[in-house]
Protein backbone atom coordinates (compact mmCIF):
# COMPACT_ATOMS: atom_id res chain seq x y z
CA ASP A 1 -26.67 23.01 -17.02
CA GLY A 2 -24.42 19.77 -16.94
CA THR A 3 -27.37 18.23 -14.75
CA LEU A 4 -28.52 15.05 -15.26
CA ARG A 5 -31.22 12.71 -13.29
CA ARG A 6 -31.34 9.31 -13.36
CA GLY A 7 -33.74 8.20 -10.56
CA ALA A 8 -32.49 8.19 -7.17
CA ARG A 9 -28.75 8.92 -8.32
CA LEU A 10 -27.72 12.96 -9.68
CA THR A 11 -24.66 14.10 -11.64
CA THR A 12 -23.61 17.03 -12.24
CA THR A 13 -20.24 18.08 -14.41
CA ARG A 14 -18.22 21.30 -14.08
CA ARG A 15 -15.77 22.13 -16.86
CA LEU A 16 -13.47 24.33 -15.22
CA SER A 17 -11.55 27.26 -16.68
CA ARG A 18 -8.10 26.89 -18.10
CA ASP A 19 -6.81 29.76 -15.87
CA VAL A 20 -8.36 28.09 -12.87
CA THR A 21 -6.78 24.68 -13.97
CA THR A 22 -3.57 26.74 -14.63
CA SER A 23 -4.01 28.26 -11.13
CA LEU A 24 -4.41 24.90 -9.29
CA ARG A 25 -1.26 23.38 -10.94
CA ASP A 26 0.61 26.35 -10.25
CA ARG A 27 -0.72 26.48 -6.63
CA ALA A 28 0.08 22.34 -5.71
CA ALA A 29 4.34 23.62 -7.58
CA ARG A 30 4.17 26.05 -5.30
CA TRP A 31 3.80 24.01 -2.15
CA ARG A 32 5.85 21.52 -3.53
CA THR A 33 2.99 18.45 -4.42
CA THR A 34 0.44 17.11 -6.60
CA SER A 35 -2.25 18.23 -8.38
CA ALA A 36 -4.15 14.84 -7.68
CA ALA A 37 -3.10 15.84 -3.69
CA LEU A 38 -4.84 19.13 -4.02
CA LEU A 39 -7.86 18.17 -5.57
CA LEU A 40 -8.15 14.91 -2.78
CA SER A 41 -7.40 17.26 0.40
CA ALA A 42 -9.90 19.48 -0.88
CA ALA A 43 -12.60 16.76 -1.09
CA GLY A 44 -11.72 15.88 1.98
CA LEU A 45 -12.50 19.19 3.60
CA VAL A 46 -16.00 19.05 1.69
CA VAL A 47 -16.85 15.68 2.96
CA ALA A 48 -15.21 17.08 7.20
CA ARG A 49 -17.58 20.33 6.63
CA ARG A 50 -20.32 18.13 5.34
CA THR A 51 -20.34 15.95 7.58
CA GLY A 52 -18.70 17.82 11.00
CA ARG A 53 -15.73 15.26 11.43
CA ALA A 54 -12.50 16.41 11.78
CA ASP A 55 -11.32 12.01 10.78
CA VAL A 56 -13.28 11.31 7.50
CA VAL A 57 -12.11 8.50 4.97
CA CYS A 58 -12.81 8.45 1.34
CA GLY A 59 -11.98 5.85 -1.18
CA VAL A 60 -9.53 6.68 -4.04
CA THR A 61 -9.59 4.81 -6.87
CA VAL A 62 -5.86 3.87 -8.01
CA SER A 63 -4.98 1.85 -11.69
CA GLY A 64 -3.72 -1.23 -9.64
CA ARG A 65 -0.74 -1.81 -12.05
CA PRO A 66 2.54 -2.58 -10.12
CA PRO A 67 5.21 -1.30 -11.96
CA GLN A 68 7.01 -4.33 -10.42
CA VAL A 69 5.02 -7.04 -12.32
CA PRO A 70 6.85 -7.02 -16.04
CA ARG A 71 4.64 -6.07 -18.71
CA ALA A 72 1.62 -4.78 -16.03
CA ASP A 73 1.34 -1.76 -18.68
CA ALA A 74 0.74 -4.37 -21.76
CA ALA A 75 -2.12 -6.16 -19.93
CA VAL A 76 -5.43 -6.04 -20.85
CA GLY A 77 -8.08 -5.68 -18.34
CA SER A 78 -8.86 -3.52 -15.45
CA PHE A 79 -6.38 -3.38 -12.30
CA MET A 80 -8.20 -0.56 -10.73
CA THR A 81 -8.92 -0.44 -7.24
CA ASN A 82 -10.06 1.11 -4.41
CA LEU A 83 -8.32 1.90 -1.30
CA PRO A 84 -9.29 3.80 1.78
CA ALA A 85 -8.18 6.94 2.54
CA ARG A 86 -8.03 8.71 5.83
CA LEU A 87 -8.01 12.64 6.28
CA LYS A 88 -7.37 13.77 9.99
CA VAL A 89 -8.48 17.49 9.28
CA ARG A 90 -6.01 19.70 11.24
CA PRO A 91 -7.50 23.63 11.37
CA ALA A 92 -4.13 24.51 13.63
CA ARG A 93 -2.18 22.98 11.05
CA ARG A 94 -0.77 24.72 7.96
CA LEU A 95 -2.61 23.36 5.05
CA ASP A 96 0.05 23.62 2.68
CA ASP A 97 1.63 20.61 4.61
CA TRP A 98 -0.99 19.31 5.77
CA VAL A 99 -1.65 18.71 1.38
CA ARG A 100 1.87 17.70 1.66
CA GLU A 101 1.10 14.92 4.36
CA VAL A 102 -1.87 14.01 2.14
CA GLN A 103 0.14 12.99 -0.36
CA ARG A 104 2.57 10.78 1.78
CA ASP A 105 -0.15 8.75 2.66
CA GLN A 106 -1.21 8.50 -1.36
CA LEU A 107 2.34 7.06 -2.04
CA ARG A 108 1.94 4.60 0.99
CA ARG A 109 -1.40 3.47 -0.10
CA GLU A 110 -0.18 2.63 -3.58
CA SER A 111 2.05 -0.04 -1.84
CA PHE A 112 -1.66 -1.62 -1.49
CA ALA A 113 -2.84 -1.37 -4.81
CA HIS A 114 -2.65 -5.34 -5.78
CA VAL A 115 -5.01 -5.83 -2.63
CA SER A 116 -8.63 -6.27 -3.05
CA LEU A 117 -10.86 -4.02 -0.84
CA GLY A 118 -12.10 -7.04 0.57
CA ASP A 119 -8.77 -8.07 2.23
CA ILE A 120 -8.42 -4.19 3.44
CA HIS A 121 -12.04 -4.92 5.20
CA GLY A 122 -11.26 -7.98 6.90
CA TRP A 123 -7.81 -6.33 8.78
CA THR A 124 -9.79 -3.56 9.82
CA ASP A 125 -12.16 -3.56 12.87
CA VAL A 126 -15.15 -2.20 11.27
CA ALA A 127 -17.55 -4.11 11.13
CA PRO A 128 -18.08 -6.97 8.32
CA GLY A 129 -21.12 -5.58 6.32
CA ARG A 130 -20.36 -2.06 6.69
CA THR A 131 -18.82 -0.03 4.26
CA LEU A 132 -15.20 1.62 4.90
CA PHE A 133 -16.31 4.87 3.02
CA ASP A 134 -19.40 6.58 1.90
CA THR A 135 -17.74 8.91 -0.54
CA LEU A 136 -15.78 7.49 -3.61
CA VAL A 137 -12.61 9.87 -5.08
CA LEU A 138 -11.62 9.75 -8.95
CA LEU A 139 -8.02 11.46 -9.64
CA ASN A 140 -7.74 10.75 -13.36
CA LEU A 141 -5.31 13.88 -14.15
CA GLY A 142 -2.94 12.56 -17.01
CA SER A 143 -2.63 13.16 -20.40
CA ASP A 144 -5.19 11.61 -22.86
CA VAL A 145 -2.51 8.80 -23.58
CA ALA A 146 -3.83 6.01 -25.65
CA VAL A 147 -2.90 2.74 -24.63
CA GLY A 148 -2.66 0.38 -27.98
CA TRP A 149 -2.65 -3.58 -28.50
CA PRO A 150 -1.34 -4.47 -31.41
CA GLY A 151 -4.63 -5.56 -33.93
CA ILE A 152 -6.48 -4.54 -31.72
CA GLU A 153 -8.25 -0.94 -32.49
CA MET A 154 -10.38 0.71 -28.66
CA VAL A 155 -13.04 3.65 -30.07
CA VAL A 156 -14.55 5.17 -27.15
CA GLN A 157 -18.82 5.70 -27.79
CA SER A 158 -19.89 6.75 -24.47
CA ALA A 159 -18.96 6.57 -20.85
CA THR A 160 -20.46 6.62 -17.50
CA LEU A 161 -19.30 7.76 -14.37
CA ASP A 162 -21.72 5.49 -11.38
CA ALA A 163 -21.36 3.25 -8.44
CA ALA A 164 -22.77 1.68 -5.00
CA TYR A 165 -21.50 5.14 -2.72
CA PRO A 166 -23.44 7.30 -1.98
CA LEU A 167 -21.54 10.31 -3.53
CA VAL A 168 -18.84 10.05 -6.67
CA LEU A 169 -16.05 12.86 -6.78
CA ALA A 170 -14.37 13.23 -10.03
CA PHE A 171 -12.24 14.85 -11.75
CA GLY A 172 -10.16 14.53 -15.21
CA ILE A 173 -9.02 16.59 -17.54
CA GLU A 174 -9.59 17.32 -21.13
CA SER A 175 -8.32 19.56 -23.90
CA ASP A 176 -6.23 21.70 -20.53
CA HIS A 177 -9.87 22.17 -18.27
CA LEU A 178 -10.31 20.70 -15.00
CA VAL A 179 -13.68 18.75 -15.49
CA VAL A 180 -15.60 17.84 -12.00
CA THR A 181 -18.40 15.63 -12.14
CA LEU A 182 -20.25 14.93 -8.50
CA VAL A 183 -22.17 11.68 -8.42
CA HIS A 184 -24.71 11.44 -5.63
CA ASP A 185 -27.94 9.99 -3.85
CA ALA A 186 -30.21 13.06 -4.62
CA SER A 187 -32.10 12.38 -1.00
CA LEU A 188 -28.07 14.46 -0.70
CA GLU A 189 -29.17 17.35 -1.72
CA GLN A 190 -30.43 18.67 1.90
């Protein structure tokens, strides 16, 4: 059923139909937003509902490769970082307006993609030792584009989605299907 148990972690993966994936893209286009903003908003709504809070903070993984850095696309190594995304759920607000607000906030966050999460934490009132968020959202919705470097062949043999967060929600595209992966502490199943 797509569920694997590994110690205290539970991983569940669902591949959604092409029709559902197309419907998501169509809805985002009608609302003049992106699929990523729509999915991040949906994740925020789920966290808000499960926690009973209307103001939630999720981590969002970003590439951290600022386009203004010359040849950043050709550099070898990970530039990824996690940035906090504050999502204020307002039930009285129209959903499409709120999703567009989430997208505008995503664009503002991009200017901090090169800043470490530790530095961002230091700028907040959150006490040292406390995390800024316990839910991490990964949005990998681009097409399967292979990045090549002369003389280097890269072959993906396996990958594991696991992190130091109680809840990781990943969205990806495989063969025009949205794939949703949830990794969480098994204790969160209650």
